[in-house]
Amino acid sequence: MKKEKKSKKPESKEVKDSKKESKKKSVAEEKKAGTVLKKEKLNLSNPVSPDSIADLAAVKQLMIDSAVLYQNILILPQTFTIDESTYSLYPSELKALDMIGQFSGINLTQLANKLGISKSAISKCTSKLLEKELIEKEKSPLNVREVVFTLTPNGQFIFSQLESTNAKLFEPFNQSLAEFSAEEINNLHRLFVTIKSSLTEVINRQ
């Protein structure tokens, strides 16, 4: 009887081994299936390729998404490094700094008028720039009761970098446009002229 029991043990091990192998295979197959599903989900995140034919609803949604993205980019702060100092400036601050750089000795009222914003708004911008020591103020030589603004050396450095910084910010966008043919550019121009006209009509109706 003992011999029979011993002979049965190897058989049970073989069964266990075969079960383990089948489990491993099933797990491996499930993993493969899982990776396929993940890839399919990733592909679904961009269901419409640039060369495919899209319906009108998809085009409208892409236009809206692009407009939102563009607006979000415009409100992002820009970072500048001078020596060991880093300056993070919001668009409103950059516009004020840019205008002061173009018109050195400009006063608060002139600055507000050129930027098309209120005095209180431009006062906040200039206060921030003064705190960051990118501009300085002094009494106007024409009117001792008002102050004028000029750039500090660090402010002048940032002012000189603004054009290249803006170009770099939209570099991927500009590169994409550069790949279009002249005919495609003309078609885009005609398309957006029509869109702008129709949207202007919507606003005028309000």
N, C-alpha and C. Protein backbone atom coordinates (compact mmCIF):
# COMPACT_ATOMS: atom_id res chain seq x y z
N MET A 1 0.83 -1.21 0.00
CA MET A 1 0.00 0.00 0.00
C MET A 1 0.86 1.26 0.00
N LYS A 2 1.99 1.20 0.74
CA LYS A 2 2.88 2.36 0.81
C LYS A 2 3.44 2.70 -0.54
N LYS A 3 3.76 1.62 -1.31
CA LYS A 3 4.31 1.84 -2.64
C LYS A 3 3.30 2.53 -3.54
N GLU A 4 2.04 2.14 -3.39
CA GLU A 4 0.98 2.75 -4.20
C GLU A 4 0.83 4.22 -3.87
N LYS A 5 0.92 4.54 -2.55
CA LYS A 5 0.84 5.93 -2.13
C LYS A 5 1.97 6.76 -2.70
N LYS A 6 3.17 6.19 -2.70
CA LYS A 6 4.33 6.90 -3.23
C LYS A 6 4.17 7.16 -4.71
N SER A 7 3.59 6.20 -5.41
CA SER A 7 3.42 6.34 -6.86
C SER A 7 2.39 7.40 -7.20
N LYS A 8 1.44 7.64 -6.27
CA LYS A 8 0.40 8.65 -6.51
C LYS A 8 0.93 10.07 -6.34
N LYS A 9 1.93 10.30 -5.49
CA LYS A 9 2.47 11.64 -5.23
C LYS A 9 3.02 12.32 -6.46
N PRO A 10 3.86 11.64 -7.27
CA PRO A 10 4.36 12.28 -8.49
C PRO A 10 3.24 12.71 -9.41
N GLU A 11 2.16 11.91 -9.43
CA GLU A 11 1.03 12.25 -10.30
C GLU A 11 0.37 13.54 -9.84
N SER A 12 0.22 13.71 -8.52
CA SER A 12 -0.39 14.94 -8.00
C SER A 12 0.48 16.15 -8.28
N LYS A 13 1.79 15.99 -8.23
CA LYS A 13 2.71 17.09 -8.55
C LYS A 13 2.58 17.48 -10.00
N GLU A 14 2.46 16.49 -10.86
CA GLU A 14 2.32 16.77 -12.29
C GLU A 14 1.04 17.55 -12.55
N VAL A 15 -0.01 17.17 -11.86
CA VAL A 15 -1.28 17.87 -12.03
C VAL A 15 -1.15 19.32 -11.56
N LYS A 16 -0.49 19.50 -10.39
CA LYS A 16 -0.28 20.85 -9.86
C LYS A 16 0.57 21.69 -10.80
N ASP A 17 1.63 21.08 -11.33
CA ASP A 17 2.49 21.80 -12.27
C ASP A 17 1.74 22.21 -13.52
N SER A 18 0.93 21.31 -14.02
CA SER A 18 0.16 21.62 -15.23
C SER A 18 -0.84 22.74 -14.96
N LYS A 19 -1.44 22.72 -13.75
CA LYS A 19 -2.37 23.79 -13.37
C LYS A 19 -1.65 25.13 -13.28
N LYS A 20 -0.44 25.12 -12.70
CA LYS A 20 0.34 26.34 -12.59
C LYS A 20 0.69 26.91 -13.96
N GLU A 21 1.08 26.01 -14.86
CA GLU A 21 1.42 26.43 -16.22
C GLU A 21 0.22 27.03 -16.93
N SER A 22 -0.95 26.38 -16.75
CA SER A 22 -2.16 26.90 -17.38
C SER A 22 -2.54 28.27 -16.82
N LYS A 23 -2.34 28.43 -15.48
CA LYS A 23 -2.61 29.72 -14.85
C LYS A 23 -1.68 30.80 -15.39
N LYS A 24 -0.40 30.44 -15.52
CA LYS A 24 0.58 31.39 -16.05
C LYS A 24 0.22 31.82 -17.45
N LYS A 25 -0.21 30.85 -18.25
CA LYS A 25 -0.60 31.15 -19.64
C LYS A 25 -1.81 32.07 -19.67
N SER A 26 -2.78 31.77 -18.79
CA SER A 26 -4.00 32.60 -18.75
C SER A 26 -3.67 34.01 -18.29
N VAL A 27 -2.79 34.13 -17.29
CA VAL A 27 -2.36 35.45 -16.80
C VAL A 27 -1.64 36.21 -17.90
N ALA A 28 -0.76 35.49 -18.61
CA ALA A 28 -0.02 36.12 -19.70
C ALA A 28 -0.97 36.59 -20.80
N GLU A 29 -1.96 35.76 -21.09
CA GLU A 29 -2.95 36.13 -22.11
C GLU A 29 -3.77 37.33 -21.67
N GLU A 30 -4.12 37.37 -20.37
CA GLU A 30 -4.89 38.50 -19.84
C GLU A 30 -4.08 39.79 -19.90
N LYS A 31 -2.78 39.66 -19.60
CA LYS A 31 -1.92 40.83 -19.68
C LYS A 31 -1.83 41.37 -21.08
N LYS A 32 -1.70 40.41 -22.04
CA LYS A 32 -1.66 40.83 -23.44
C LYS A 32 -2.96 41.51 -23.83
N ALA A 33 -4.06 40.95 -23.41
CA ALA A 33 -5.36 41.54 -23.71
C ALA A 33 -5.48 42.91 -23.08
N GLY A 34 -4.93 43.03 -21.84
CA GLY A 34 -4.98 44.32 -21.15
C GLY A 34 -4.20 45.38 -21.88
N THR A 35 -3.02 45.02 -22.40
CA THR A 35 -2.22 46.01 -23.12
C THR A 35 -2.91 46.45 -24.39
N VAL A 36 -3.59 45.51 -25.04
CA VAL A 36 -4.34 45.86 -26.25
C VAL A 36 -5.45 46.84 -25.94
N LEU A 37 -6.15 46.59 -24.82
CA LEU A 37 -7.24 47.49 -24.42
C LEU A 37 -6.71 48.87 -24.09
N LYS A 38 -5.55 48.94 -23.41
CA LYS A 38 -4.96 50.23 -23.08
C LYS A 38 -4.59 51.00 -24.33
N LYS A 39 -4.02 50.31 -25.30
CA LYS A 39 -3.65 50.96 -26.54
C LYS A 39 -4.87 51.49 -27.27
N GLU A 40 -5.96 50.68 -27.22
CA GLU A 40 -7.20 51.10 -27.87
C GLU A 40 -7.76 52.36 -27.20
N LYS A 41 -7.66 52.42 -25.85
CA LYS A 41 -8.14 53.59 -25.12
C LYS A 41 -7.32 54.82 -25.48
N LEU A 42 -6.02 54.66 -25.61
CA LEU A 42 -5.16 55.78 -26.00
C LEU A 42 -5.51 56.28 -27.38
N ASN A 43 -5.80 55.36 -28.28
CA ASN A 43 -6.17 55.75 -29.63
C ASN A 43 -7.49 56.49 -29.66
N LEU A 44 -8.39 56.11 -28.75
CA LEU A 44 -9.70 56.75 -28.71
C LEU A 44 -9.63 58.18 -28.22
N SER A 45 -8.53 58.55 -27.52
CA SER A 45 -8.41 59.91 -27.03
C SER A 45 -8.25 60.91 -28.17
N ASN A 46 -7.83 60.43 -29.32
CA ASN A 46 -7.71 61.29 -30.50
C ASN A 46 -8.38 60.60 -31.68
N PRO A 47 -9.72 60.50 -31.67
CA PRO A 47 -10.43 59.68 -32.65
C PRO A 47 -10.37 60.22 -34.07
N VAL A 48 -10.15 61.53 -34.23
CA VAL A 48 -10.15 62.13 -35.57
C VAL A 48 -8.74 62.55 -35.94
N SER A 49 -8.18 61.94 -36.94
CA SER A 49 -6.84 62.30 -37.39
C SER A 49 -6.93 63.56 -38.25
N PRO A 50 -5.82 64.34 -38.37
CA PRO A 50 -5.85 65.58 -39.15
C PRO A 50 -6.26 65.39 -40.60
N ASP A 51 -5.99 64.20 -41.18
CA ASP A 51 -6.29 63.96 -42.60
C ASP A 51 -7.66 63.34 -42.83
N SER A 52 -8.38 63.01 -41.75
CA SER A 52 -9.67 62.36 -41.93
C SER A 52 -10.76 63.40 -42.22
N ILE A 53 -11.89 62.90 -42.69
CA ILE A 53 -13.02 63.77 -43.00
C ILE A 53 -13.89 63.87 -41.76
N ALA A 54 -14.05 65.07 -41.23
CA ALA A 54 -14.83 65.27 -40.01
C ALA A 54 -16.14 65.96 -40.34
N ASP A 55 -17.13 65.76 -39.47
CA ASP A 55 -18.40 66.43 -39.70
C ASP A 55 -18.36 67.85 -39.13
N LEU A 56 -19.44 68.59 -39.35
CA LEU A 56 -19.49 70.00 -38.95
C LEU A 56 -19.40 70.16 -37.44
N ALA A 57 -20.01 69.27 -36.70
CA ALA A 57 -19.98 69.35 -35.23
C ALA A 57 -18.55 69.20 -34.71
N ALA A 58 -17.79 68.28 -35.32
CA ALA A 58 -16.40 68.07 -34.90
C ALA A 58 -15.55 69.30 -35.20
N VAL A 59 -15.80 69.93 -36.34
CA VAL A 59 -15.06 71.14 -36.72
C VAL A 59 -15.34 72.27 -35.73
N LYS A 60 -16.62 72.45 -35.39
CA LYS A 60 -17.00 73.49 -34.43
C LYS A 60 -16.32 73.26 -33.08
N GLN A 61 -16.31 72.00 -32.63
CA GLN A 61 -15.71 71.69 -31.35
C GLN A 61 -14.21 71.95 -31.36
N LEU A 62 -13.55 71.60 -32.46
CA LEU A 62 -12.11 71.88 -32.58
C LEU A 62 -11.82 73.38 -32.56
N MET A 63 -12.67 74.16 -33.20
CA MET A 63 -12.51 75.62 -33.20
C MET A 63 -12.64 76.17 -31.77
N ILE A 64 -13.65 75.68 -31.05
CA ILE A 64 -13.86 76.13 -29.66
C ILE A 64 -12.69 75.74 -28.78
N ASP A 65 -12.25 74.49 -28.90
CA ASP A 65 -11.12 74.00 -28.10
C ASP A 65 -9.85 74.79 -28.39
N SER A 66 -9.62 75.08 -29.67
CA SER A 66 -8.42 75.83 -30.06
C SER A 66 -8.46 77.25 -29.50
N ALA A 67 -9.65 77.87 -29.54
CA ALA A 67 -9.79 79.23 -29.01
C ALA A 67 -9.54 79.26 -27.51
N VAL A 68 -10.06 78.26 -26.80
CA VAL A 68 -9.86 78.18 -25.35
C VAL A 68 -8.39 77.97 -25.02
N LEU A 69 -7.73 77.07 -25.75
CA LEU A 69 -6.31 76.81 -25.54
C LEU A 69 -5.47 78.07 -25.79
N TYR A 70 -5.81 78.80 -26.85
CA TYR A 70 -5.07 80.01 -27.18
C TYR A 70 -5.22 81.05 -26.07
N GLN A 71 -6.44 81.21 -25.57
CA GLN A 71 -6.68 82.16 -24.48
C GLN A 71 -5.94 81.76 -23.21
N ASN A 72 -5.90 80.45 -22.94
CA ASN A 72 -5.18 79.96 -21.76
C ASN A 72 -3.68 80.21 -21.87
N ILE A 73 -3.15 80.09 -23.07
CA ILE A 73 -1.72 80.37 -23.28
C ILE A 73 -1.42 81.84 -23.03
N LEU A 74 -2.33 82.70 -23.47
CA LEU A 74 -2.11 84.14 -23.35
C LEU A 74 -2.07 84.62 -21.89
N ILE A 75 -2.71 83.88 -20.98
CA ILE A 75 -2.72 84.32 -19.58
C ILE A 75 -1.64 83.63 -18.74
N LEU A 76 -0.83 82.79 -19.37
CA LEU A 76 0.24 82.13 -18.64
C LEU A 76 1.36 83.11 -18.29
N PRO A 77 1.94 83.00 -17.09
CA PRO A 77 3.09 83.85 -16.75
C PRO A 77 4.34 83.40 -17.50
N GLN A 78 5.20 84.35 -17.81
CA GLN A 78 6.47 84.04 -18.48
C GLN A 78 7.62 84.20 -17.48
N THR A 79 8.59 83.32 -17.58
CA THR A 79 9.71 83.33 -16.64
C THR A 79 10.97 83.83 -17.31
N PHE A 80 11.67 84.73 -16.61
CA PHE A 80 12.93 85.29 -17.10
C PHE A 80 13.98 85.14 -16.00
N THR A 81 15.17 84.76 -16.42
CA THR A 81 16.27 84.61 -15.46
C THR A 81 17.38 85.60 -15.79
N ILE A 82 17.75 86.39 -14.79
CA ILE A 82 18.83 87.37 -14.93
C ILE A 82 19.83 87.10 -13.83
N ASP A 83 21.03 86.72 -14.21
CA ASP A 83 22.05 86.29 -13.25
C ASP A 83 21.47 85.15 -12.42
N GLU A 84 21.27 85.36 -11.12
CA GLU A 84 20.71 84.30 -10.28
C GLU A 84 19.27 84.62 -9.86
N SER A 85 18.70 85.66 -10.43
CA SER A 85 17.34 86.06 -10.07
C SER A 85 16.35 85.59 -11.15
N THR A 86 15.21 85.09 -10.70
CA THR A 86 14.16 84.63 -11.61
C THR A 86 12.91 85.48 -11.43
N TYR A 87 12.38 85.94 -12.54
CA TYR A 87 11.18 86.78 -12.53
C TYR A 87 10.05 86.07 -13.27
N SER A 88 8.90 85.97 -12.60
CA SER A 88 7.71 85.41 -13.23
C SER A 88 6.72 86.54 -13.44
N LEU A 89 6.44 86.83 -14.70
CA LEU A 89 5.61 87.99 -15.03
C LEU A 89 4.36 87.57 -15.79
N TYR A 90 3.22 88.08 -15.34
CA TYR A 90 1.97 87.82 -16.03
C TYR A 90 1.82 88.75 -17.23
N PRO A 91 0.96 88.39 -18.18
CA PRO A 91 0.81 89.21 -19.39
C PRO A 91 0.54 90.69 -19.12
N SER A 92 -0.29 90.98 -18.12
CA SER A 92 -0.58 92.38 -17.80
C SER A 92 0.68 93.12 -17.39
N GLU A 93 1.55 92.47 -16.62
CA GLU A 93 2.82 93.08 -16.21
C GLU A 93 3.76 93.25 -17.40
N LEU A 94 3.77 92.24 -18.27
CA LEU A 94 4.64 92.30 -19.46
C LEU A 94 4.20 93.41 -20.41
N LYS A 95 2.88 93.59 -20.54
CA LYS A 95 2.38 94.65 -21.41
C LYS A 95 2.77 96.02 -20.87
N ALA A 96 2.66 96.18 -19.55
CA ALA A 96 3.04 97.45 -18.93
C ALA A 96 4.53 97.71 -19.08
N LEU A 97 5.32 96.66 -18.84
CA LEU A 97 6.78 96.78 -18.97
C LEU A 97 7.17 97.11 -20.42
N ASP A 98 6.50 96.44 -21.35
CA ASP A 98 6.77 96.67 -22.77
C ASP A 98 6.46 98.11 -23.17
N MET A 99 5.34 98.65 -22.68
CA MET A 99 4.96 100.02 -23.02
C MET A 99 5.91 101.03 -22.39
N ILE A 100 6.34 100.75 -21.16
CA ILE A 100 7.31 101.64 -20.51
C ILE A 100 8.64 101.60 -21.25
N GLY A 101 8.99 100.43 -21.75
CA GLY A 101 10.22 100.31 -22.54
C GLY A 101 10.14 101.10 -23.84
N GLN A 102 8.96 101.10 -24.46
CA GLN A 102 8.79 101.85 -25.72
C GLN A 102 8.70 103.35 -25.49
N PHE A 103 8.09 103.72 -24.37
CA PHE A 103 7.89 105.15 -24.09
C PHE A 103 8.45 105.47 -22.71
N SER A 104 9.75 105.54 -22.62
CA SER A 104 10.41 105.83 -21.35
C SER A 104 9.99 107.21 -20.84
N GLY A 105 9.64 107.30 -19.56
CA GLY A 105 9.18 108.56 -18.99
C GLY A 105 7.68 108.75 -19.12
N ILE A 106 6.94 107.68 -19.39
CA ILE A 106 5.49 107.73 -19.53
C ILE A 106 4.85 107.81 -18.14
N ASN A 107 3.74 108.54 -18.04
CA ASN A 107 3.06 108.62 -16.75
C ASN A 107 1.92 107.62 -16.67
N LEU A 108 1.26 107.57 -15.52
CA LEU A 108 0.24 106.56 -15.26
C LEU A 108 -0.96 106.71 -16.20
N THR A 109 -1.41 107.94 -16.40
CA THR A 109 -2.56 108.18 -17.27
C THR A 109 -2.27 107.78 -18.71
N GLN A 110 -1.10 108.16 -19.21
CA GLN A 110 -0.70 107.81 -20.57
C GLN A 110 -0.58 106.29 -20.73
N LEU A 111 -0.05 105.65 -19.70
CA LEU A 111 0.13 104.20 -19.74
C LEU A 111 -1.23 103.49 -19.79
N ALA A 112 -2.17 103.96 -18.98
CA ALA A 112 -3.51 103.37 -18.96
C ALA A 112 -4.20 103.56 -20.31
N ASN A 113 -4.05 104.74 -20.89
CA ASN A 113 -4.70 105.02 -22.19
C ASN A 113 -4.12 104.16 -23.30
N LYS A 114 -2.82 103.98 -23.31
CA LYS A 114 -2.17 103.19 -24.37
C LYS A 114 -2.52 101.72 -24.27
N LEU A 115 -2.71 101.23 -23.06
CA LEU A 115 -3.04 99.82 -22.87
C LEU A 115 -4.55 99.58 -22.87
N GLY A 116 -5.32 100.67 -22.82
CA GLY A 116 -6.78 100.54 -22.85
C GLY A 116 -7.36 99.93 -21.60
N ILE A 117 -6.76 100.21 -20.44
CA ILE A 117 -7.27 99.70 -19.17
C ILE A 117 -7.40 100.86 -18.18
N SER A 118 -8.03 100.59 -17.05
CA SER A 118 -8.26 101.65 -16.05
C SER A 118 -6.97 102.01 -15.31
N LYS A 119 -7.00 103.17 -14.67
CA LYS A 119 -5.84 103.62 -13.90
C LYS A 119 -5.58 102.69 -12.71
N SER A 120 -6.65 102.21 -12.10
CA SER A 120 -6.47 101.32 -10.95
C SER A 120 -5.80 100.01 -11.36
N ALA A 121 -6.17 99.51 -12.55
CA ALA A 121 -5.57 98.26 -13.04
C ALA A 121 -4.10 98.45 -13.36
N ILE A 122 -3.77 99.54 -14.04
CA ILE A 122 -2.37 99.78 -14.39
C ILE A 122 -1.55 100.13 -13.16
N SER A 123 -2.20 100.72 -12.17
CA SER A 123 -1.51 101.04 -10.91
C SER A 123 -1.06 99.76 -10.21
N LYS A 124 -1.90 98.70 -10.27
CA LYS A 124 -1.54 97.40 -9.68
C LYS A 124 -0.35 96.79 -10.41
N CYS A 125 -0.37 96.91 -11.75
CA CYS A 125 0.74 96.35 -12.55
C CYS A 125 2.06 97.05 -12.24
N THR A 126 2.01 98.38 -12.21
CA THR A 126 3.24 99.13 -11.95
C THR A 126 3.75 98.89 -10.52
N SER A 127 2.81 98.70 -9.58
CA SER A 127 3.22 98.41 -8.20
C SER A 127 3.99 97.09 -8.13
N LYS A 128 3.51 96.08 -8.85
CA LYS A 128 4.19 94.79 -8.88
C LYS A 128 5.56 94.90 -9.54
N LEU A 129 5.63 95.67 -10.62
CA LEU A 129 6.91 95.85 -11.32
C LEU A 129 7.89 96.63 -10.46
N LEU A 130 7.38 97.57 -9.68
CA LEU A 130 8.24 98.33 -8.75
C LEU A 130 8.77 97.43 -7.65
N GLU A 131 7.91 96.54 -7.13
CA GLU A 131 8.33 95.60 -6.08
C GLU A 131 9.42 94.66 -6.60
N LYS A 132 9.31 94.29 -7.87
CA LYS A 132 10.30 93.38 -8.47
C LYS A 132 11.53 94.13 -8.99
N GLU A 133 11.50 95.44 -8.81
CA GLU A 133 12.62 96.32 -9.21
C GLU A 133 12.93 96.21 -10.70
N LEU A 134 11.87 96.12 -11.50
CA LEU A 134 12.03 96.09 -12.95
C LEU A 134 11.74 97.46 -13.57
N ILE A 135 11.05 98.30 -12.82
CA ILE A 135 10.84 99.69 -13.24
C ILE A 135 11.11 100.59 -12.04
N GLU A 136 11.27 101.85 -12.31
CA GLU A 136 11.42 102.84 -11.24
C GLU A 136 10.61 104.07 -11.60
N LYS A 137 10.23 104.81 -10.58
CA LYS A 137 9.43 106.02 -10.81
C LYS A 137 10.16 107.24 -10.28
N GLU A 138 9.89 108.35 -10.92
CA GLU A 138 10.49 109.62 -10.50
C GLU A 138 9.51 110.75 -10.85
N LYS A 139 9.73 111.89 -10.28
CA LYS A 139 8.85 113.02 -10.55
C LYS A 139 9.01 113.48 -12.00
N SER A 140 7.88 113.82 -12.59
CA SER A 140 7.90 114.29 -13.97
C SER A 140 8.57 115.66 -14.06
N PRO A 141 9.43 115.86 -15.04
CA PRO A 141 10.06 117.18 -15.20
C PRO A 141 9.06 118.25 -15.64
N LEU A 142 7.90 117.80 -16.15
CA LEU A 142 6.88 118.74 -16.62
C LEU A 142 5.84 119.06 -15.56
N ASN A 143 5.61 118.13 -14.66
CA ASN A 143 4.62 118.32 -13.60
C ASN A 143 5.10 117.63 -12.34
N VAL A 144 5.45 118.38 -11.33
CA VAL A 144 6.04 117.81 -10.12
C VAL A 144 5.03 116.99 -9.32
N ARG A 145 3.72 117.12 -9.63
CA ARG A 145 2.70 116.39 -8.89
C ARG A 145 2.40 115.00 -9.48
N GLU A 146 3.03 114.67 -10.57
CA GLU A 146 2.85 113.34 -11.15
C GLU A 146 4.20 112.64 -11.31
N VAL A 147 4.14 111.33 -11.41
CA VAL A 147 5.37 110.55 -11.55
C VAL A 147 5.40 109.90 -12.93
N VAL A 148 6.60 109.60 -13.38
CA VAL A 148 6.78 108.90 -14.66
C VAL A 148 7.59 107.64 -14.40
N PHE A 149 7.51 106.70 -15.34
CA PHE A 149 8.15 105.40 -15.17
C PHE A 149 9.24 105.18 -16.20
N THR A 150 10.32 104.55 -15.75
CA THR A 150 11.39 104.11 -16.65
C THR A 150 11.81 102.70 -16.24
N LEU A 151 12.53 102.04 -17.12
CA LEU A 151 12.98 100.67 -16.84
C LEU A 151 14.29 100.68 -16.07
N THR A 152 14.43 99.74 -15.16
CA THR A 152 15.72 99.50 -14.51
C THR A 152 16.56 98.64 -15.47
N PRO A 153 17.84 98.44 -15.18
CA PRO A 153 18.66 97.57 -16.05
C PRO A 153 18.06 96.18 -16.24
N ASN A 154 17.53 95.58 -15.16
CA ASN A 154 16.90 94.26 -15.29
C ASN A 154 15.62 94.33 -16.12
N GLY A 155 14.87 95.42 -15.93
CA GLY A 155 13.67 95.61 -16.73
C GLY A 155 14.01 95.79 -18.20
N GLN A 156 15.10 96.49 -18.47
CA GLN A 156 15.55 96.70 -19.84
C GLN A 156 15.96 95.39 -20.48
N PHE A 157 16.57 94.52 -19.69
CA PHE A 157 16.99 93.21 -20.21
C PHE A 157 15.77 92.39 -20.62
N ILE A 158 14.75 92.37 -19.75
CA ILE A 158 13.53 91.62 -20.08
C ILE A 158 12.83 92.23 -21.29
N PHE A 159 12.81 93.55 -21.36
CA PHE A 159 12.20 94.25 -22.49
C PHE A 159 12.86 93.83 -23.81
N SER A 160 14.17 93.68 -23.79
CA SER A 160 14.90 93.29 -24.99
C SER A 160 14.64 91.84 -25.38
N GLN A 161 14.14 91.04 -24.43
CA GLN A 161 13.88 89.61 -24.68
C GLN A 161 12.44 89.32 -25.08
N LEU A 162 11.57 90.32 -25.00
CA LEU A 162 10.13 90.07 -25.17
C LEU A 162 9.78 89.50 -26.54
N GLU A 163 10.35 90.07 -27.59
CA GLU A 163 10.01 89.64 -28.94
C GLU A 163 10.39 88.18 -29.17
N SER A 164 11.59 87.80 -28.76
CA SER A 164 12.04 86.42 -28.95
C SER A 164 11.29 85.46 -28.04
N THR A 165 10.90 85.94 -26.85
CA THR A 165 10.15 85.10 -25.92
C THR A 165 8.78 84.78 -26.47
N ASN A 166 8.09 85.77 -27.03
CA ASN A 166 6.77 85.55 -27.61
C ASN A 166 6.84 84.61 -28.82
N ALA A 167 7.89 84.78 -29.62
CA ALA A 167 8.07 83.91 -30.79
C ALA A 167 8.32 82.46 -30.35
N LYS A 168 9.10 82.30 -29.29
CA LYS A 168 9.41 80.96 -28.78
C LYS A 168 8.18 80.31 -28.18
N LEU A 169 7.33 81.12 -27.53
CA LEU A 169 6.13 80.59 -26.89
C LEU A 169 5.22 79.91 -27.90
N PHE A 170 5.07 80.53 -29.07
CA PHE A 170 4.17 79.99 -30.10
C PHE A 170 4.93 79.27 -31.21
N GLU A 171 6.15 78.83 -30.91
CA GLU A 171 6.98 78.18 -31.93
C GLU A 171 6.32 76.94 -32.54
N PRO A 172 5.74 76.02 -31.73
CA PRO A 172 5.08 74.85 -32.34
C PRO A 172 3.92 75.25 -33.25
N PHE A 173 3.18 76.27 -32.83
CA PHE A 173 2.05 76.75 -33.63
C PHE A 173 2.53 77.35 -34.94
N ASN A 174 3.59 78.18 -34.86
CA ASN A 174 4.13 78.81 -36.07
C ASN A 174 4.73 77.78 -37.03
N GLN A 175 5.35 76.75 -36.48
CA GLN A 175 5.93 75.70 -37.32
C GLN A 175 4.84 74.94 -38.06
N SER A 176 3.72 74.70 -37.38
CA SER A 176 2.61 74.02 -38.03
C SER A 176 2.05 74.85 -39.18
N LEU A 177 1.91 76.15 -38.97
CA LEU A 177 1.41 77.03 -40.03
C LEU A 177 2.37 77.07 -41.22
N ALA A 178 3.67 77.02 -40.92
CA ALA A 178 4.67 77.10 -41.98
C ALA A 178 4.62 75.89 -42.92
N GLU A 179 4.04 74.81 -42.46
CA GLU A 179 3.96 73.59 -43.28
C GLU A 179 2.80 73.63 -44.29
N PHE A 180 1.91 74.60 -44.15
CA PHE A 180 0.79 74.71 -45.08
C PHE A 180 1.25 75.31 -46.41
N SER A 181 0.62 74.88 -47.47
CA SER A 181 0.91 75.45 -48.78
C SER A 181 0.23 76.81 -48.91
N ALA A 182 0.59 77.55 -49.98
CA ALA A 182 -0.01 78.86 -50.21
C ALA A 182 -1.52 78.74 -50.42
N GLU A 183 -1.92 77.68 -51.11
CA GLU A 183 -3.34 77.46 -51.37
C GLU A 183 -4.09 77.18 -50.06
N GLU A 184 -3.48 76.38 -49.19
CA GLU A 184 -4.10 76.07 -47.91
C GLU A 184 -4.20 77.31 -47.03
N ILE A 185 -3.19 78.15 -47.07
CA ILE A 185 -3.21 79.41 -46.30
C ILE A 185 -4.34 80.31 -46.80
N ASN A 186 -4.49 80.39 -48.11
CA ASN A 186 -5.58 81.20 -48.69
C ASN A 186 -6.95 80.67 -48.28
N ASN A 187 -7.09 79.35 -48.28
CA ASN A 187 -8.35 78.74 -47.86
C ASN A 187 -8.63 79.00 -46.38
N LEU A 188 -7.58 78.92 -45.56
CA LEU A 188 -7.73 79.22 -44.14
C LEU A 188 -8.13 80.67 -43.91
N HIS A 189 -7.49 81.57 -44.68
CA HIS A 189 -7.79 82.99 -44.56
C HIS A 189 -9.26 83.26 -44.91
N ARG A 190 -9.71 82.68 -45.99
CA ARG A 190 -11.10 82.84 -46.42
C ARG A 190 -12.06 82.28 -45.37
N LEU A 191 -11.69 81.13 -44.81
CA LEU A 191 -12.52 80.48 -43.80
C LEU A 191 -12.68 81.36 -42.56
N PHE A 192 -11.55 81.89 -42.07
CA PHE A 192 -11.61 82.67 -40.84
C PHE A 192 -12.19 84.06 -41.05
N VAL A 193 -12.07 84.60 -42.24
CA VAL A 193 -12.75 85.87 -42.55
C VAL A 193 -14.26 85.67 -42.45
N THR A 194 -14.74 84.55 -42.98
CA THR A 194 -16.17 84.23 -42.92
C THR A 194 -16.61 83.99 -41.49
N ILE A 195 -15.81 83.25 -40.72
CA ILE A 195 -16.14 82.97 -39.32
C ILE A 195 -16.16 84.26 -38.50
N LYS A 196 -15.15 85.11 -38.69
CA LYS A 196 -15.09 86.37 -37.95
C LYS A 196 -16.29 87.25 -38.26
N SER A 197 -16.68 87.30 -39.53
CA SER A 197 -17.82 88.10 -39.95
C SER A 197 -19.11 87.60 -39.30
N SER A 198 -19.30 86.27 -39.28
CA SER A 198 -20.52 85.70 -38.70
C SER A 198 -20.56 85.89 -37.19
N LEU A 199 -19.41 85.78 -36.52
CA LEU A 199 -19.36 85.98 -35.07
C LEU A 199 -19.58 87.45 -34.72
N THR A 200 -19.08 88.36 -35.55
CA THR A 200 -19.33 89.79 -35.35
C THR A 200 -20.81 90.10 -35.45
N GLU A 201 -21.47 89.43 -36.37
CA GLU A 201 -22.92 89.60 -36.55
C GLU A 201 -23.67 89.13 -35.30
N VAL A 202 -23.19 88.02 -34.70
CA VAL A 202 -23.81 87.51 -33.48
C VAL A 202 -23.71 88.54 -32.34
N ILE A 203 -22.52 89.14 -32.21
CA ILE A 203 -22.31 90.14 -31.16
C ILE A 203 -23.17 91.37 -31.39
N ASN A 204 -23.26 91.82 -32.62
CA ASN A 204 -24.04 93.03 -32.94
C ASN A 204 -25.53 92.84 -32.71
N ARG A 205 -25.97 91.61 -32.70
CA ARG A 205 -27.40 91.34 -32.47
C ARG A 205 -27.77 91.46 -30.99
N GLN A 206 -26.78 91.38 -30.13
CA GLN A 206 -27.05 91.40 -28.68
C GLN A 206 -27.44 92.79 -28.20
